[in-house]
Amino acid sequence: MKKSLSLIMLSLLATGCTQTYVAKLAPQSHFDYPNSNVYPLGYVQGQASKTSFFVPPDKSSSLEYEAITKAIEQSPSADMLINTLHFMDITQVLVLPIYTVTYRVEGTAARMKAGTQVLK
């Protein structure tokens, strides 16, 4: 009886919910230069998280930067991302005031050569 009651209490403490929001749709990178050739290398994804107590942490530019950096690192010759989707997941443990914000980035890793585009 005590064991089952402890198990029920533990499961209640561990329950939570996650909400996912689309933070940004970026069909093109803002890091490419005019007169450049961009070579897609393949699909990549990256994420960064921050946890806090009592108050949900803010989505900061450092989380976005860390997620983008992790995504670019998946392709060794990549130096930018194109056609990206940015998501923000907010997870809350219902009984305890613990919040986690996860920033996720999915897109295409690409390599860029500046100044070599043939102009007409």
C-alpha atoms as a PDB file:
ATOM      1  CA  MET A   1       0.000   0.000   0.000  1.00  0.00           C
ATOM      2  CA  LYS A   2       2.755   2.451   0.964  1.00  0.00           C
ATOM      3  CA  LYS A   3       4.700   1.579  -2.151  1.00  0.00           C
ATOM      4  CA  SER A   4       1.747   2.219  -4.472  1.00  0.00           C
ATOM      5  CA  LEU A   5       0.920   5.492  -2.688  1.00  0.00           C
ATOM      6  CA  SER A   6       4.527   6.620  -3.062  1.00  0.00           C
ATOM      7  CA  LEU A   7       4.444   5.708  -6.746  1.00  0.00           C
ATOM      8  CA  ILE A   8       1.234   7.684  -7.278  1.00  0.00           C
ATOM      9  CA  MET A   9       2.672  10.740  -5.499  1.00  0.00           C
ATOM     10  CA  LEU A  10       5.878  10.524  -7.519  1.00  0.00           C
ATOM     11  CA  SER A  11       3.955  10.340 -10.802  1.00  0.00           C
ATOM     12  CA  LEU A  12       1.886  13.388  -9.821  1.00  0.00           C
ATOM     13  CA  LEU A  13       5.041  15.366  -9.081  1.00  0.00           C
ATOM     14  CA  ALA A  14       6.577  14.402 -12.418  1.00  0.00           C
ATOM     15  CA  THR A  15       3.636  15.435 -14.602  1.00  0.00           C
ATOM     16  CA  GLY A  16       3.973  18.443 -16.814  1.00  0.00           C
ATOM     17  CA  CYS A  17       3.098  19.872 -20.168  1.00  0.00           C
ATOM     18  CA  THR A  18       4.960  21.278 -23.149  1.00  0.00           C
ATOM     19  CA  GLN A  19       3.736  23.977 -25.501  1.00  0.00           C
ATOM     20  CA  THR A  20       5.454  24.521 -28.839  1.00  0.00           C
ATOM     21  CA  TYR A  21       5.423  27.842 -30.685  1.00  0.00           C
ATOM     22  CA  VAL A  22       6.767  28.756 -34.100  1.00  0.00           C
ATOM     23  CA  ALA A  23       9.174  31.584 -33.311  1.00  0.00           C
ATOM     24  CA  LYS A  24      10.232  32.422 -36.863  1.00  0.00           C
ATOM     25  CA  LEU A  25       9.969  31.244 -40.467  1.00  0.00           C
ATOM     26  CA  ALA A  26      13.031  32.325 -42.399  1.00  0.00           C
ATOM     27  CA  PRO A  27      12.906  31.272 -46.061  1.00  0.00           C
ATOM     28  CA  GLN A  28      16.337  32.826 -46.658  1.00  0.00           C
ATOM     29  CA  SER A  29      19.301  33.609 -44.467  1.00  0.00           C
ATOM     30  CA  HIS A  30      20.130  37.207 -43.610  1.00  0.00           C
ATOM     31  CA  PHE A  31      23.818  36.298 -43.536  1.00  0.00           C
ATOM     32  CA  ASP A  32      24.349  35.824 -47.271  1.00  0.00           C
ATOM     33  CA  TYR A  33      26.086  38.548 -49.247  1.00  0.00           C
ATOM     34  CA  PRO A  34      25.072  40.067 -52.585  1.00  0.00           C
ATOM     35  CA  ASN A  35      26.999  38.645 -55.529  1.00  0.00           C
ATOM     36  CA  SER A  36      27.626  35.326 -53.754  1.00  0.00           C
ATOM     37  CA  ASN A  37      27.137  31.669 -54.598  1.00  0.00           C
ATOM     38  CA  VAL A  38      25.337  29.605 -51.966  1.00  0.00           C
ATOM     39  CA  TYR A  39      25.720  25.812 -51.965  1.00  0.00           C
ATOM     40  CA  PRO A  40      23.182  23.791 -49.912  1.00  0.00           C
ATOM     41  CA  LEU A  41      24.778  20.927 -47.957  1.00  0.00           C
ATOM     42  CA  GLY A  42      21.848  19.188 -46.265  1.00  0.00           C
ATOM     43  CA  TYR A  43      19.291  19.240 -43.473  1.00  0.00           C
ATOM     44  CA  VAL A  44      20.502  20.088 -39.959  1.00  0.00           C
ATOM     45  CA  GLN A  45      18.926  20.902 -36.609  1.00  0.00           C
ATOM     46  CA  GLY A  46      20.120  22.326 -33.315  1.00  0.00           C
ATOM     47  CA  GLN A  47      18.680  23.261 -29.956  1.00  0.00           C
ATOM     48  CA  ALA A  48      19.531  25.081 -26.749  1.00  0.00           C
ATOM     49  CA  SER A  49      17.691  25.068 -23.407  1.00  0.00           C
ATOM     50  CA  LYS A  50      17.430  27.131 -20.258  1.00  0.00           C
ATOM     51  CA  THR A  51      15.702  26.096 -16.992  1.00  0.00           C
ATOM     52  CA  SER A  52      14.495  28.266 -14.129  1.00  0.00           C
ATOM     53  CA  PHE A  53      12.298  28.101 -11.060  1.00  0.00           C
ATOM     54  CA  PHE A  54       9.074  30.034 -10.351  1.00  0.00           C
ATOM     55  CA  VAL A  55       9.186  32.192 -13.518  1.00  0.00           C
ATOM     56  CA  PRO A  56       9.628  30.970 -17.106  1.00  0.00           C
ATOM     57  CA  PRO A  57      12.981  32.081 -18.560  1.00  0.00           C
ATOM     58  CA  ASP A  58      12.874  34.534 -21.446  1.00  0.00           C
ATOM     59  CA  LYS A  59      13.751  33.486 -24.958  1.00  0.00           C
ATOM     60  CA  SER A  60      17.019  35.298 -25.417  1.00  0.00           C
ATOM     61  CA  SER A  61      19.224  35.884 -28.425  1.00  0.00           C
ATOM     62  CA  SER A  62      21.893  33.736 -26.758  1.00  0.00           C
ATOM     63  CA  LEU A  63      19.560  30.698 -26.918  1.00  0.00           C
ATOM     64  CA  GLU A  64      18.896  31.367 -30.609  1.00  0.00           C
ATOM     65  CA  TYR A  65      22.609  31.832 -31.322  1.00  0.00           C
ATOM     66  CA  GLU A  66      23.534  28.618 -29.489  1.00  0.00           C
ATOM     67  CA  ALA A  67      20.879  26.615 -31.377  1.00  0.00           C
ATOM     68  CA  ILE A  68      22.038  28.003 -34.750  1.00  0.00           C
ATOM     69  CA  THR A  69      25.677  27.313 -33.897  1.00  0.00           C
ATOM     70  CA  LYS A  70      24.891  23.700 -32.942  1.00  0.00           C
ATOM     71  CA  ALA A  71      22.999  23.225 -36.212  1.00  0.00           C
ATOM     72  CA  ILE A  72      25.838  24.642 -38.336  1.00  0.00           C
ATOM     73  CA  GLU A  73      28.387  22.437 -36.519  1.00  0.00           C
ATOM     74  CA  GLN A  74      26.596  19.337 -37.834  1.00  0.00           C
ATOM     75  CA  SER A  75      27.925  20.032 -41.330  1.00  0.00           C
ATOM     76  CA  PRO A  76      31.723  20.594 -41.250  1.00  0.00           C
ATOM     77  CA  SER A  77      32.006  22.890 -44.284  1.00  0.00           C
ATOM     78  CA  ALA A  78      28.839  24.944 -43.577  1.00  0.00           C
ATOM     79  CA  ASP A  79      29.009  28.596 -42.613  1.00  0.00           C
ATOM     80  CA  MET A  80      25.312  29.561 -42.706  1.00  0.00           C
ATOM     81  CA  LEU A  81      21.741  28.265 -42.543  1.00  0.00           C
ATOM     82  CA  ILE A  82      19.062  28.835 -45.146  1.00  0.00           C
ATOM     83  CA  ASN A  83      15.338  28.042 -45.227  1.00  0.00           C
ATOM     84  CA  THR A  84      15.069  27.751 -41.460  1.00  0.00           C
ATOM     85  CA  LEU A  85      12.219  27.090 -39.069  1.00  0.00           C
ATOM     86  CA  HIS A  86      12.606  28.324 -35.483  1.00  0.00           C
ATOM     87  CA  PHE A  87      10.576  26.751 -32.671  1.00  0.00           C
ATOM     88  CA  MET A  88      10.297  27.512 -28.985  1.00  0.00           C
ATOM     89  CA  ASP A  89       9.171  24.788 -26.552  1.00  0.00           C
ATOM     90  CA  ILE A  90       8.063  25.773 -23.052  1.00  0.00           C
ATOM     91  CA  THR A  91       7.856  22.885 -20.574  1.00  0.00           C
ATOM     92  CA  GLN A  92       6.368  23.257 -17.107  1.00  0.00           C
ATOM     93  CA  VAL A  93       6.283  20.721 -14.301  1.00  0.00           C
ATOM     94  CA  LEU A  94       2.747  21.154 -12.999  1.00  0.00           C
ATOM     95  CA  VAL A  95       3.262  20.598  -9.280  1.00  0.00           C
ATOM     96  CA  LEU A  96       6.704  22.158  -8.913  1.00  0.00           C
ATOM     97  CA  PRO A  97       7.382  25.637 -10.342  1.00  0.00           C
ATOM     98  CA  ILE A  98      10.071  24.469 -12.788  1.00  0.00           C
ATOM     99  CA  TYR A  99      10.129  25.840 -16.326  1.00  0.00           C
ATOM    100  CA  THR A 100      12.351  24.932 -19.283  1.00  0.00           C
ATOM    101  CA  VAL A 101      12.547  26.916 -22.515  1.00  0.00           C
ATOM    102  CA  THR A 102      14.046  25.084 -25.489  1.00  0.00           C
ATOM    103  CA  TYR A 103      14.863  26.961 -28.694  1.00  0.00           C
ATOM    104  CA  ARG A 104      15.050  24.673 -31.765  1.00  0.00           C
ATOM    105  CA  VAL A 105      16.278  25.486 -35.264  1.00  0.00           C
ATOM    106  CA  GLU A 106      15.793  23.297 -38.350  1.00  0.00           C
ATOM    107  CA  GLY A 107      16.985  24.131 -41.829  1.00  0.00           C
ATOM    108  CA  THR A 108      19.513  23.619 -44.581  1.00  0.00           C
ATOM    109  CA  ALA A 109      23.206  24.055 -43.891  1.00  0.00           C
ATOM    110  CA  ALA A 110      24.973  25.911 -46.683  1.00  0.00           C
ATOM    111  CA  ARG A 111      28.391  27.105 -47.763  1.00  0.00           C
ATOM    112  CA  MET A 112      28.862  30.523 -49.337  1.00  0.00           C
ATOM    113  CA  LYS A 113      31.500  31.946 -51.650  1.00  0.00           C
ATOM    114  CA  ALA A 114      31.256  35.719 -51.751  1.00  0.00           C
ATOM    115  CA  GLY A 115      31.928  37.731 -54.878  1.00  0.00           C
ATOM    116  CA  THR A 116      31.941  34.911 -57.431  1.00  0.00           C
ATOM    117  CA  GLN A 117      28.412  35.203 -58.863  1.00  0.00           C
ATOM    118  CA  VAL A 118      28.338  35.719 -62.629  1.00  0.00           C
ATOM    119  CA  LEU A 119      26.412  38.960 -63.231  1.00  0.00           C
ATOM    120  CA  LYS A 120      24.405  39.549 -66.408  1.00  0.00           C
END
